[in-house]
Structures are given as structure tokens and as C-alpha cells.
């Protein structure tokens, strides 16, 4: 797949968002002029090891790793790139040559490299030298990114207790070699763009992105009173809801609550990838949920919604559209609406780059539900629809009465006199899904997991039910039929 991407970049050639540079034995001296220009304009992609005529020269194989580290270190050094913006480079192979691929996202701030501001045009990089050019660049960024709004009276005591330490610990575990791990908290805030100084006004302080990521509930509501995320289940009661979580906490905790809501109401299908079991449910919905949180326009009062229906999940959130169309893998350029929020989630391992995340949803949805008829519609309201087919959902999550209509009487023909009503319900549900969990049985039948386990124990003692395989990977088998 990545070879096709490289082929596409080479065919497109250099332009406002693509740059080729030779880098056989040393990094190009003007590399960070281009990186800075991409950050300041629309983002872009750089291939090292290609000359201006698209000839594949390659990079010395023994230097690729050190080049990638050098790029990361320079991008994270505020003495060179200010404000710093961590850039990741990766080694790739194309036509038996080693290349270095660099993806540069669009930034919500204006960056200087060695004290100069660079911009990008179709002809290349150029320095902004006049006061008017620099002023217009800042105005353009301010109009694009509300996450940069500075709250001069927002202080660290307004953050939820322990939230910053928790986020930094997750980043440390996910990326042990991350340059942020060596910084103190204030250096971390400044380097990640969560604390900034507006060079056009002199205003300084924590930004809206810091408030949304770390703030206490009441502090967020004070500054952004319309902020909320409504998570609903509408399977039986379509006019109101079967279950609801009204979320008004910070984005880090909101992610956890939305993932817990998904785990509560959607099953997880068994799936192996490279002989490793992975959670299709988590693969799909971590991206859906991250997209809701990362790409919302938070100055818009339209509430974010996450609704689980019988046959689909539908999400809506306010948006500043970059394009107006359906998004499909390969037909759009990644364009984060809140780059600093996105960067924190990415470093925590909770999201991919926008393009990769959407590709994963399409890839795993087919395996999860049997359908990849997915809608990502970018307009003023961003709408996402992910199908849920019976193979993934209805066999377990339908109301109990619907299930019993589909189950034959063979289970109860020989055991009616020996089992209680709850035990009969357990057997009927096992007949529908042999690897059903005690948590699912508890929710569907309406009794505690302890009672479920007691009833299962009695069924096993009565030689009506037995367990085949391990507690996690096995399944139930009904003996008396």
C-alpha cells in the first residue's frame, strides 16, 4: 500500500504540498525551511533521496536511522524551530533504494526556523520579510484555528487532578524515546503548543486546546458552556433513548467514557491478525471517537452526538470543512482541525493521522459487520455512519424476547423440569451465541454476574452445560438436548 502512495507522490511531482530532496550522505541544508513552510501553509510530504527531476538517488543505508533521529531532535528544539513541532520521519524502500518519507501536518501556529518565517508556494519556499506578510500569516492562522485561543487567567490548578501526569505517563509508555519525556511540565506545555504567546498581541497563557484536554468540568463549562457530547442508545425506544451518557468532562476522560459506552453496548467479534487476537471493535471505534474529539469546531454550539442504533452507529459534530464531500480512502488530504489536540492524542497512541484512521475504519468494518458501506461526510456538520449488521450485533444485543423467538425448543424439551427460569434463559442465549460472556448474560437477563455464575455452576453440576476450552477463548456446550 505504501509503495502505491510513493508512486502517486512521484507521479504528482513537486508542488505546494510535495517536495523532493537529495540526501545521499547528509541532510539537505534547506530541509527545515521546507518543513517550516509546510507547517505554516497547508502541510505536505517530503521525500529524501529523490532529485528535482524525480530520479531515485536513494539515501545511504547506514545513515537513514541517524537522519530520522536528527529530524526529530531538530524539530523539537525551540532554539531552531520555534515554536517546536515534533516531526517524525520514517525509512522506506522503493525500487531497491532507501528513502526517507516525512509527513508534515498543517500547524495551527506560525513557526520560525532560525528566526525566519517561511511560507510555501507552488514554486517552493520563501521568507516572509515584510510586516504586512507576517501579519496576514498570523491572521490566516487565527481565523483557521480556534484551539489557539489564549486564556490568560487559566492556570494549572484549573486542570483535573492528576490528568497531566496521567497523559505524560501514557506518552512515556507508548513512546519511551519521545523527546517530551525529558521535559518538565511547563516545557511540555510550551513544546506541545498548549501554552503560547501571541506574537501579534503579546497575549500569553494556556490555550483552548489545554483547557479542553485537561480542564476540570466546571472550568470547561465556564469558558465553553455549550460543550457536551451526547452518547445514546436507540434500539427499542427510538423517540428517546435506551441508555445515555451526557459527557461534559475534558477530552482525555471523554475518550475513556465513550470507549466504555461502546464496550457496554456493542459486542467484540473474534478476529486474528498475524496470529494475534485483536479487538475489531476497538480498532474501529477508537478512530471514530478520536475523530469526534479531535476534529470538532469547539466555538460552534452544535452538540456532538454518538448514537447506537440497531443497524448502525451515527455521529455528528460541528466542523470547519476543508472540503464539502464524502471522504474515502485515497480521495482527500489529511487536514486536522485542531492540530495540537490531535498531536497529544497521536502521541498517546489513541489516534492515527487522519488519513490512516479512516483507512483502518474501512478495513476493519468489513470484517466486523460484513459491510464497508461507511459514510464520512465533511460539511458544516461532520457526519459519520458505520453499519452494524446482525453478524456483529443483533445476535447478542436484541431484546431478549426477540432472541427467544429464534431459538428452538430443543434445549428445554429434556430439561424443563430441572432448570429455573433464569437458567432456561441462559441456555437459550448460549444456543444463540456459544461464546457469550457472563457480562453479556447479566445485561440481557437482568441479574447480577454473581447470579449468572451461580446458575452456570448449577447447570454444570447437573450435567446440562459444560465449558470447552479456556475461560477467555473457549465456548459453552449444552449437553442435554
Protein backbone atom coordinates (compact mmCIF):
# COMPACT_ATOMS: atom_id res chain seq x y z
CA UNK A 1 0.00 0.00 0.00
CA UNK A 2 2.80 2.45 0.87
CA UNK A 3 4.57 1.71 -2.43
CA UNK A 4 1.42 2.83 -4.24
CA UNK A 5 1.46 6.02 -2.18
CA UNK A 6 5.10 6.71 -3.10
CA UNK A 7 4.29 6.06 -6.75
CA UNK A 8 1.40 8.53 -6.54
CA UNK A 9 3.62 11.20 -4.93
CA UNK A 10 6.29 10.78 -7.60
CA UNK A 11 3.71 10.95 -10.39
CA UNK A 12 2.20 14.13 -8.93
CA UNK A 13 5.60 15.78 -8.65
CA UNK A 14 6.69 18.79 -6.63
CA UNK A 15 4.14 21.43 -5.74
CA UNK A 16 2.68 23.38 -2.87
CA UNK A 17 2.46 20.23 -0.71
CA UNK A 18 5.17 17.93 -2.15
CA UNK A 19 8.96 18.36 -2.08
CA UNK A 20 11.82 16.11 -3.27
CA UNK A 21 15.37 16.50 -1.92
CA UNK A 22 18.67 14.71 -2.45
CA UNK A 23 20.15 13.37 0.78
CA UNK A 24 22.76 10.76 -0.06
CA UNK A 25 25.26 11.39 2.74
CA UNK A 26 23.91 14.43 4.59
CA UNK A 27 20.59 16.10 5.29
CA UNK A 28 19.78 19.00 2.94
CA UNK A 29 20.70 22.36 4.46
CA UNK A 30 17.29 23.79 3.49
CA UNK A 31 15.22 20.84 4.77
CA UNK A 32 13.79 22.73 7.74
CA UNK A 33 12.99 25.75 5.61
CA UNK A 34 10.59 23.45 3.75
CA UNK A 35 9.29 21.83 6.94
CA UNK A 36 8.63 25.28 8.44
CA UNK A 37 6.91 26.45 5.23
CA UNK A 38 4.69 23.34 5.18
CA UNK A 39 3.74 23.88 8.84
CA UNK A 40 2.83 27.49 8.09
CA UNK A 41 0.85 26.80 4.92
CA UNK A 42 -1.10 23.57 4.19
CA UNK A 43 1.21 20.81 5.39
CA UNK A 44 2.89 18.45 2.95
CA UNK A 45 5.07 15.45 2.21
CA UNK A 46 8.83 15.33 1.70
CA UNK A 47 10.82 12.51 0.10
CA UNK A 48 14.55 12.45 0.79
CA UNK A 49 16.60 10.56 -1.79
CA UNK A 50 14.84 11.97 -4.88
CA UNK A 51 16.24 14.75 -7.07
CA UNK A 52 14.27 17.58 -8.71
CA UNK A 53 13.83 15.52 -11.89
CA UNK A 54 12.21 12.68 -9.88
CA UNK A 55 15.24 10.42 -10.28
CA UNK A 56 15.53 7.92 -7.42
CA UNK A 57 19.00 8.52 -5.95
CA UNK A 58 18.46 6.94 -2.54
CA UNK A 59 19.88 7.61 0.92
CA UNK A 60 22.92 5.80 2.34
CA UNK A 61 21.50 2.80 4.19
CA UNK A 62 23.75 3.23 7.22
CA UNK A 63 22.59 6.84 7.67
CA UNK A 64 18.79 6.57 7.48
CA UNK A 65 18.28 5.93 11.20
CA UNK A 66 20.52 8.80 12.28
CA UNK A 67 18.84 11.12 9.75
CA UNK A 68 15.41 10.29 11.19
CA UNK A 69 16.64 10.97 14.74
CA UNK A 70 18.27 14.22 13.65
CA UNK A 71 14.99 15.40 12.08
CA UNK A 72 13.06 14.59 15.27
CA UNK A 73 15.62 16.32 17.50
CA UNK A 74 15.83 19.46 15.36
CA UNK A 75 12.05 19.79 15.09
CA UNK A 76 11.79 19.51 18.87
CA UNK A 77 14.49 22.15 19.52
CA UNK A 78 12.84 25.56 20.12
CA UNK A 79 16.22 27.26 19.60
CA UNK A 80 15.97 26.23 15.93
CA UNK A 81 12.26 25.69 15.19
CA UNK A 82 10.01 27.96 17.25
CA UNK A 83 7.54 27.00 18.49
CA UNK A 84 8.84 23.46 18.22
CA UNK A 85 6.70 20.85 16.46
CA UNK A 86 7.81 17.23 16.66
CA UNK A 87 8.20 15.78 13.14
CA UNK A 88 8.50 12.05 12.52
CA UNK A 89 10.47 10.69 9.59
CA UNK A 90 10.48 7.05 8.50
CA UNK A 91 12.70 4.89 6.33
CA UNK A 92 11.01 3.38 3.25
CA UNK A 93 12.25 1.27 0.35
CA UNK A 94 11.34 1.97 -3.27
CA UNK A 95 12.90 0.38 -6.37
CA UNK A 96 15.58 -1.20 -4.15
CA UNK A 97 16.63 2.22 -2.83
CA UNK A 98 16.36 3.54 0.73
CA UNK A 99 14.34 6.75 1.01
CA UNK A 100 13.13 8.84 3.93
CA UNK A 101 9.47 9.87 3.99
CA UNK A 102 8.44 12.90 6.07
CA UNK A 103 4.81 13.85 6.64
CA UNK A 104 4.38 17.44 7.85
CA UNK A 105 0.89 18.31 9.12
CA UNK A 106 -0.54 21.78 8.87
CA UNK A 107 0.06 23.62 12.13
CA UNK A 108 -2.30 25.96 13.94
CA UNK A 109 0.63 28.28 14.73
CA UNK A 110 3.19 30.29 12.79
CA UNK A 111 6.66 28.72 13.08
CA UNK A 112 10.07 30.33 12.68
CA UNK A 113 13.21 28.47 11.64
CA UNK A 114 16.38 30.18 12.85
CA UNK A 115 14.37 33.35 13.42
CA UNK A 116 12.79 33.49 9.94
CA UNK A 117 9.19 32.78 8.92
CA UNK A 118 8.84 30.68 5.77
CA UNK A 119 5.78 30.22 3.57
CA UNK A 120 5.09 27.88 0.68
CA UNK A 121 4.01 28.43 -2.90
CA UNK A 122 3.93 26.16 -5.95
CA UNK A 123 7.44 27.39 -6.77
CA UNK A 124 8.96 26.48 -3.41
CA UNK A 125 9.76 28.06 -0.04
CA UNK A 126 10.14 31.79 0.53
CA UNK A 127 10.84 34.05 3.51
CA UNK A 128 8.13 36.40 4.78
CA UNK A 129 10.07 39.65 5.07
CA UNK A 130 7.53 42.47 5.27
CA UNK A 131 5.41 43.31 8.31
CA UNK A 132 2.25 43.02 6.22
CA UNK A 133 3.12 39.50 5.01
CA UNK A 134 3.78 38.35 8.58
CA UNK A 135 0.60 39.99 9.87
CA UNK A 136 -1.50 38.30 7.18
CA UNK A 137 0.03 34.91 8.04
CA UNK A 138 -0.96 35.30 11.71
CA UNK A 139 -4.46 36.47 10.76
CA UNK A 140 -4.88 33.44 8.49
CA UNK A 141 -3.90 31.04 11.26
CA UNK A 142 -6.08 32.77 13.87
CA UNK A 143 -9.08 32.54 11.57
CA UNK A 144 -8.45 28.85 10.89
CA UNK A 145 -7.80 27.51 14.39
CA UNK A 146 -9.91 28.37 17.41
CA UNK A 147 -7.86 25.94 19.56
CA UNK A 148 -5.19 28.66 19.68
CA UNK A 149 -7.44 30.99 21.70
CA UNK A 150 -5.42 32.11 24.74
CA UNK A 151 -6.97 32.17 28.22
CA UNK A 152 -4.54 34.39 30.20
CA UNK A 153 -6.17 33.59 33.55
CA UNK A 154 -6.28 29.81 33.06
CA UNK A 155 -3.79 28.16 35.46
CA UNK A 156 -2.67 24.61 36.19
CA UNK A 157 -4.90 24.36 39.27
CA UNK A 158 -7.85 24.58 36.85
CA UNK A 159 -6.84 21.20 35.41
CA UNK A 160 -8.38 17.94 36.63
CA UNK A 161 -6.33 16.35 39.42
CA UNK A 162 -3.59 14.08 38.08
CA UNK A 163 -4.64 14.41 34.43
CA UNK A 164 -1.37 15.90 33.15
CA UNK A 165 0.72 13.24 34.93
CA UNK A 166 -1.54 10.54 33.51
CA UNK A 167 -1.23 11.84 29.93
CA UNK A 168 2.54 12.15 30.21
CA UNK A 169 2.78 8.62 31.65
CA UNK A 170 0.76 7.21 28.73
CA UNK A 171 3.03 9.00 26.24
CA UNK A 172 6.10 7.68 28.09
CA UNK A 173 4.78 4.10 27.88
CA UNK A 174 3.67 4.45 24.26
CA UNK A 175 6.82 6.28 23.13
CA UNK A 176 9.73 5.57 25.54
CA UNK A 177 12.17 7.56 23.38
CA UNK A 178 9.91 10.59 22.94
CA UNK A 179 11.76 13.92 23.42
CA UNK A 180 8.86 15.25 25.54
CA UNK A 181 9.67 12.69 28.24
CA UNK A 182 12.71 14.72 29.36
CA UNK A 183 10.79 17.99 29.79
CA UNK A 184 9.23 19.46 32.92
CA UNK A 185 5.51 20.27 32.79
CA UNK A 186 5.83 23.88 31.63
CA UNK A 187 8.34 22.92 28.95
CA UNK A 188 5.92 20.17 27.87
CA UNK A 189 3.04 22.67 27.62
CA UNK A 190 5.08 25.11 25.55
CA UNK A 191 6.65 22.49 23.28
CA UNK A 192 3.30 20.85 22.54
CA UNK A 193 1.68 24.22 21.77
CA UNK A 194 -0.69 24.15 24.76
CA UNK A 195 0.87 27.29 26.25
CA UNK A 196 1.78 30.05 23.84
CA UNK A 197 2.48 33.71 23.33
CA UNK A 198 0.66 35.55 20.56
CA UNK A 199 3.45 37.49 18.88
CA UNK A 200 0.96 39.87 17.24
CA UNK A 201 -0.70 40.97 20.52
CA UNK A 202 1.72 39.97 23.30
CA UNK A 203 -1.03 37.92 24.97
CA UNK A 204 0.32 34.82 26.74
CA UNK A 205 -1.15 31.79 28.51
CA UNK A 206 -2.74 28.36 28.22
CA UNK A 207 -4.84 27.78 25.11
CA UNK A 208 -8.29 26.39 24.45
CA UNK A 209 -6.64 23.08 23.50
CA UNK A 210 -5.08 22.84 27.00
CA UNK A 211 -8.43 23.71 28.60
CA UNK A 212 -10.26 21.03 26.60
CA UNK A 213 -7.61 18.35 27.14
CA UNK A 214 -7.03 18.84 30.87
CA UNK A 215 -9.67 21.15 32.37
CA UNK A 216 -11.99 20.36 35.27
CA UNK A 217 -15.64 20.02 34.27
CA UNK A 218 -16.78 23.28 35.86
CA UNK A 219 -13.86 25.24 34.37
CA UNK A 220 -14.63 23.99 30.85
CA UNK A 221 -18.32 24.81 31.30
CA UNK A 222 -17.43 28.31 32.49
CA UNK A 223 -15.37 29.04 29.36
CA UNK A 224 -17.30 26.95 26.78
CA UNK A 225 -20.83 26.49 28.22
CA UNK A 226 -22.20 24.79 25.10
CA UNK A 227 -19.60 21.99 25.17
CA UNK A 228 -21.05 18.50 25.57
CA UNK A 229 -21.09 15.07 23.93
CA UNK A 230 -24.34 13.11 23.95
CA UNK A 231 -23.86 9.32 23.76
CA UNK A 232 -27.16 7.49 23.22
CA UNK A 233 -28.52 4.01 22.53
CA UNK A 234 -31.71 3.99 20.43
CA UNK A 235 -32.64 0.40 19.71
CA UNK A 236 -36.01 -0.09 21.41
CA UNK A 237 -37.08 3.45 22.29
CA UNK A 238 -36.34 5.34 19.08
CA UNK A 239 -38.09 8.54 20.22
CA UNK A 240 -35.96 8.99 23.34
CA UNK A 241 -33.23 6.51 24.27
CA UNK A 242 -32.50 3.18 25.96
CA UNK A 243 -29.28 4.41 27.58
CA UNK A 244 -27.46 7.73 27.73
CA UNK A 245 -24.18 9.28 28.85
CA UNK A 246 -24.13 13.09 28.84
CA UNK A 247 -20.42 13.89 28.73
CA UNK A 248 -19.08 17.32 29.75
CA UNK A 249 -15.61 16.40 31.02
CA UNK A 250 -12.21 17.01 29.41
CA UNK A 251 -11.30 15.24 26.17
CA UNK A 252 -8.92 12.71 27.75
CA UNK A 253 -11.65 11.48 30.11
CA UNK A 254 -14.34 11.84 27.40
CA UNK A 255 -12.40 9.37 25.23
CA UNK A 256 -12.42 6.81 28.07
CA UNK A 257 -16.15 7.25 28.70
CA UNK A 258 -17.08 6.91 25.03
CA UNK A 259 -14.94 3.76 24.67
CA UNK A 260 -16.62 2.33 27.80
CA UNK A 261 -20.04 3.18 26.32
CA UNK A 262 -19.13 1.27 23.15
CA UNK A 263 -17.87 -1.73 25.16
CA UNK A 264 -21.10 -1.76 27.15
CA UNK A 265 -23.42 -1.82 24.14
CA UNK A 266 -21.52 -3.48 21.28
CA UNK A 267 -20.02 -6.99 21.11
CA UNK A 268 -16.44 -7.74 20.15
CA UNK A 269 -16.01 -10.22 17.33
CA UNK A 270 -13.19 -12.80 17.48
CA UNK A 271 -10.51 -11.93 14.91
CA UNK A 272 -6.88 -12.92 14.36
CA UNK A 273 -4.28 -10.73 12.66
CA UNK A 274 -0.82 -12.24 12.19
CA UNK A 275 -1.76 -14.98 14.69
CA UNK A 276 -2.62 -12.34 17.31
CA UNK A 277 -6.14 -11.73 18.52
CA UNK A 278 -7.14 -8.08 18.06
CA UNK A 279 -10.29 -6.23 19.03
CA UNK A 280 -12.10 -5.21 15.85
CA UNK A 281 -14.48 -3.15 17.94
CA UNK A 282 -11.63 -1.15 19.50
CA UNK A 283 -9.80 -0.77 16.17
CA UNK A 284 -12.87 0.81 14.58
CA UNK A 285 -14.27 2.90 17.38
CA UNK A 286 -11.04 4.33 18.76
CA UNK A 287 -10.74 6.09 15.39
CA UNK A 288 -14.40 7.16 15.27
CA UNK A 289 -14.23 8.53 18.82
CA UNK A 290 -10.85 10.21 18.31
CA UNK A 291 -12.20 11.90 15.16
CA UNK A 292 -15.19 13.27 17.09
CA UNK A 293 -12.94 14.77 19.77
CA UNK A 294 -10.02 15.92 17.64
CA UNK A 295 -11.77 17.45 14.64
CA UNK A 296 -14.71 19.25 16.26
CA UNK A 297 -15.03 23.03 15.95
CA UNK A 298 -15.43 23.93 19.63
CA UNK A 299 -16.62 27.52 19.10
CA UNK A 300 -19.77 26.14 17.45
CA UNK A 301 -22.63 25.39 19.87
CA UNK A 302 -23.87 22.39 17.86
CA UNK A 303 -23.53 19.42 20.28
CA UNK A 304 -21.56 16.31 19.37
CA UNK A 305 -23.70 13.16 19.25
CA UNK A 306 -22.78 9.47 19.25
CA UNK A 307 -25.87 7.30 18.68
CA UNK A 308 -26.04 3.49 18.56
CA UNK A 309 -28.98 2.14 16.55
CA UNK A 310 -29.85 -1.48 15.75
CA UNK A 311 -28.22 -1.38 12.32
CA UNK A 312 -25.71 1.49 12.51
CA UNK A 313 -23.77 3.97 14.59
CA UNK A 314 -24.14 7.62 13.65
CA UNK A 315 -22.07 10.55 14.88
CA UNK A 316 -22.39 14.28 14.24
CA UNK A 317 -20.20 17.17 15.29
CA UNK A 318 -19.62 20.81 14.37
CA UNK A 319 -16.95 21.30 11.75
CA UNK A 320 -14.94 23.84 9.78
CA UNK A 321 -14.95 21.99 6.45
CA UNK A 322 -11.81 21.90 4.35
CA UNK A 323 -13.84 20.30 1.53
CA UNK A 324 -17.54 19.57 1.10
CA UNK A 325 -17.86 15.93 0.09
CA UNK A 326 -17.82 12.28 1.10
CA UNK A 327 -14.38 11.18 2.29
CA UNK A 328 -13.00 7.87 1.06
CA UNK A 329 -9.52 6.39 1.47
CA UNK A 330 -7.27 7.98 -1.12
CA UNK A 331 -9.58 10.82 -2.21
CA UNK A 332 -8.57 13.52 0.30
CA UNK A 333 -5.58 15.10 2.01
CA UNK A 334 -5.42 14.87 5.84
CA UNK A 335 -6.41 18.21 7.38
CA UNK A 336 -6.60 18.23 11.20
CA UNK A 337 -8.97 20.88 12.57
CA UNK A 338 -7.19 21.07 15.96
CA UNK A 339 -3.55 20.08 15.32
CA UNK A 340 -2.37 20.43 18.94
CA UNK A 341 -5.20 18.30 20.32
CA UNK A 342 -4.54 15.82 17.51
CA UNK A 343 -0.83 15.69 18.34
CA UNK A 344 -1.49 14.83 22.01
CA UNK A 345 -3.90 12.03 21.05
CA UNK A 346 -1.45 10.68 18.47
CA UNK A 347 1.47 10.62 20.91
CA UNK A 348 -0.77 8.85 23.45
CA UNK A 349 -1.46 6.16 20.83
CA UNK A 350 -5.17 6.98 20.77
CA UNK A 351 -5.39 8.01 17.14
CA UNK A 352 -3.63 7.77 13.82
CA UNK A 353 -3.08 10.53 11.30
CA UNK A 354 -6.50 11.40 9.83
CA UNK A 355 -6.00 9.57 6.53
CA UNK A 356 -4.69 6.39 8.18
CA UNK A 357 -7.52 6.35 10.72
CA UNK A 358 -10.23 6.44 8.04
CA UNK A 359 -8.45 3.67 6.12
CA UNK A 360 -8.48 1.50 9.25
CA UNK A 361 -12.21 2.04 9.77
CA UNK A 362 -12.95 0.90 6.21
CA UNK A 363 -10.54 -2.03 6.54
CA UNK A 364 -11.85 -3.43 9.81
CA UNK A 365 -15.55 -2.59 9.41
CA UNK A 366 -15.88 -5.17 6.62
CA UNK A 367 -14.53 -7.83 8.96
CA UNK A 368 -16.62 -6.63 11.91
CA UNK A 369 -20.05 -6.18 10.34
CA UNK A 370 -19.70 -7.63 6.85
CA UNK A 371 -20.11 -4.20 5.27
CA UNK A 372 -17.84 -1.29 4.39
CA UNK A 373 -20.73 0.95 3.35
CA UNK A 374 -19.35 3.69 5.60
CA UNK A 375 -20.10 7.39 5.33
CA UNK A 376 -17.65 10.13 6.31
CA UNK A 377 -19.36 13.29 5.10
CA UNK A 378 -17.49 16.56 5.59
CA UNK A 379 -19.74 19.60 5.63
CA UNK A 380 -20.53 22.26 8.25
CA UNK A 381 -21.72 19.32 10.34
CA UNK A 382 -19.37 16.32 10.02
CA UNK A 383 -21.48 13.16 9.78
CA UNK A 384 -20.19 9.60 10.22
CA UNK A 385 -22.28 6.45 9.71
CA UNK A 386 -20.84 2.98 10.38
CA UNK A 387 -23.04 -0.06 9.63
CA UNK A 388 -23.85 -2.69 12.24
CA UNK A 389 -25.14 -5.93 10.76
CA UNK A 390 -26.62 -8.90 12.65
CA UNK A 391 -23.36 -10.82 12.47
CA UNK A 392 -21.77 -8.27 14.75
CA UNK A 393 -24.61 -7.01 16.85
CA UNK A 394 -28.14 -8.31 16.71
CA UNK A 395 -27.46 -11.92 17.70
CA UNK A 396 -26.42 -10.77 21.13
CA UNK A 397 -27.92 -7.35 21.68
CA UNK A 398 -31.51 -7.77 20.52
CA UNK A 399 -34.09 -7.60 23.28
CA UNK A 400 -34.47 -10.98 24.94
CA UNK A 401 -37.96 -11.67 23.60
CA UNK A 402 -36.74 -11.33 20.00
CA UNK A 403 -33.99 -13.86 20.67
CA UNK A 404 -36.26 -16.47 22.18
CA UNK A 405 -38.47 -16.36 19.10
CA UNK A 406 -35.49 -17.59 17.05
CA UNK A 407 -34.37 -20.30 19.45
CA UNK A 408 -35.94 -23.74 19.11
CA UNK A 409 -37.47 -25.68 21.95
CA UNK A 410 -34.88 -28.47 21.70
CA UNK A 411 -32.91 -27.10 24.66
CA UNK A 412 -35.85 -27.20 27.03
CA UNK A 413 -37.51 -30.43 25.85
CA UNK A 414 -35.47 -32.60 28.23
CA UNK A 415 -34.52 -30.10 30.93
CA UNK A 416 -37.72 -28.15 31.60
CA UNK A 417 -38.31 -29.81 34.93
CA UNK A 418 -34.70 -29.44 36.06
CA UNK A 419 -33.94 -25.75 35.43
CA UNK A 420 -35.19 -22.43 36.73
CA UNK A 421 -36.49 -19.64 34.52
CA UNK A 422 -33.16 -17.77 34.61
CA UNK A 423 -31.24 -20.96 33.81
CA UNK A 424 -33.52 -21.54 30.83
CA UNK A 425 -32.76 -18.01 29.62
CA UNK A 426 -29.04 -18.69 29.97
CA UNK A 427 -29.35 -21.86 27.89
CA UNK A 428 -31.38 -20.10 25.22
CA UNK A 429 -28.79 -17.33 24.89
CA UNK A 430 -25.93 -19.84 24.78
CA UNK A 431 -27.79 -21.60 21.98
CA UNK A 432 -27.67 -18.33 20.03
CA UNK A 433 -24.04 -17.49 20.88
CA UNK A 434 -21.86 -20.21 22.37
CA UNK A 435 -19.04 -17.84 23.43
CA UNK A 436 -21.30 -15.33 25.17
CA UNK A 437 -19.75 -13.78 28.30
CA UNK A 438 -21.18 -13.61 31.81
CA UNK A 439 -21.30 -9.81 31.47
CA UNK A 440 -23.46 -10.09 28.35
CA UNK A 441 -25.71 -12.68 30.01
CA UNK A 442 -26.07 -10.42 33.04
CA UNK A 443 -27.09 -7.43 30.94
CA UNK A 444 -29.57 -9.33 28.74
CA UNK A 445 -31.25 -11.30 31.52
CA UNK A 446 -31.16 -8.51 34.08
CA UNK A 447 -29.47 -10.22 37.01
CA UNK A 448 -26.00 -9.78 38.52
CA UNK A 449 -22.91 -11.53 37.16
CA UNK A 450 -22.62 -13.33 40.51
CA UNK A 451 -26.09 -14.84 39.98
CA UNK A 452 -25.18 -15.76 36.40
CA UNK A 453 -22.10 -17.63 37.65
CA UNK A 454 -24.14 -19.41 40.35
CA UNK A 455 -26.69 -20.59 37.77
CA UNK A 456 -23.99 -21.72 35.36
CA UNK A 457 -22.33 -23.68 38.17
CA UNK A 458 -25.63 -25.48 38.88
CA UNK A 459 -26.12 -26.26 35.18
CA UNK A 460 -22.61 -27.73 35.04
CA UNK A 461 -23.20 -29.78 38.21
CA UNK A 462 -26.45 -31.09 36.71
CA UNK A 463 -24.53 -32.15 33.58
CA UNK A 464 -26.65 -29.85 31.43
CA UNK A 465 -23.83 -27.48 30.43
CA UNK A 466 -20.06 -27.70 30.06
CA UNK A 467 -17.21 -25.40 29.14
CA UNK A 468 -15.00 -26.26 26.16
CA UNK A 469 -11.57 -24.60 26.09
CA UNK A 470 -10.13 -21.77 28.17
CA UNK A 471 -12.19 -19.20 30.12
CA UNK A 472 -11.29 -16.46 27.63
CA UNK A 473 -11.01 -18.26 24.31
CA UNK A 474 -13.39 -21.18 24.80
CA UNK A 475 -17.16 -21.65 24.42
CA UNK A 476 -20.17 -23.26 26.07
CA UNK A 477 -21.71 -26.57 25.02
CA UNK A 478 -25.20 -27.75 26.02
CA UNK A 479 -25.08 -31.45 26.92
CA UNK A 480 -28.79 -32.25 27.39
CA UNK A 481 -30.51 -31.97 24.03
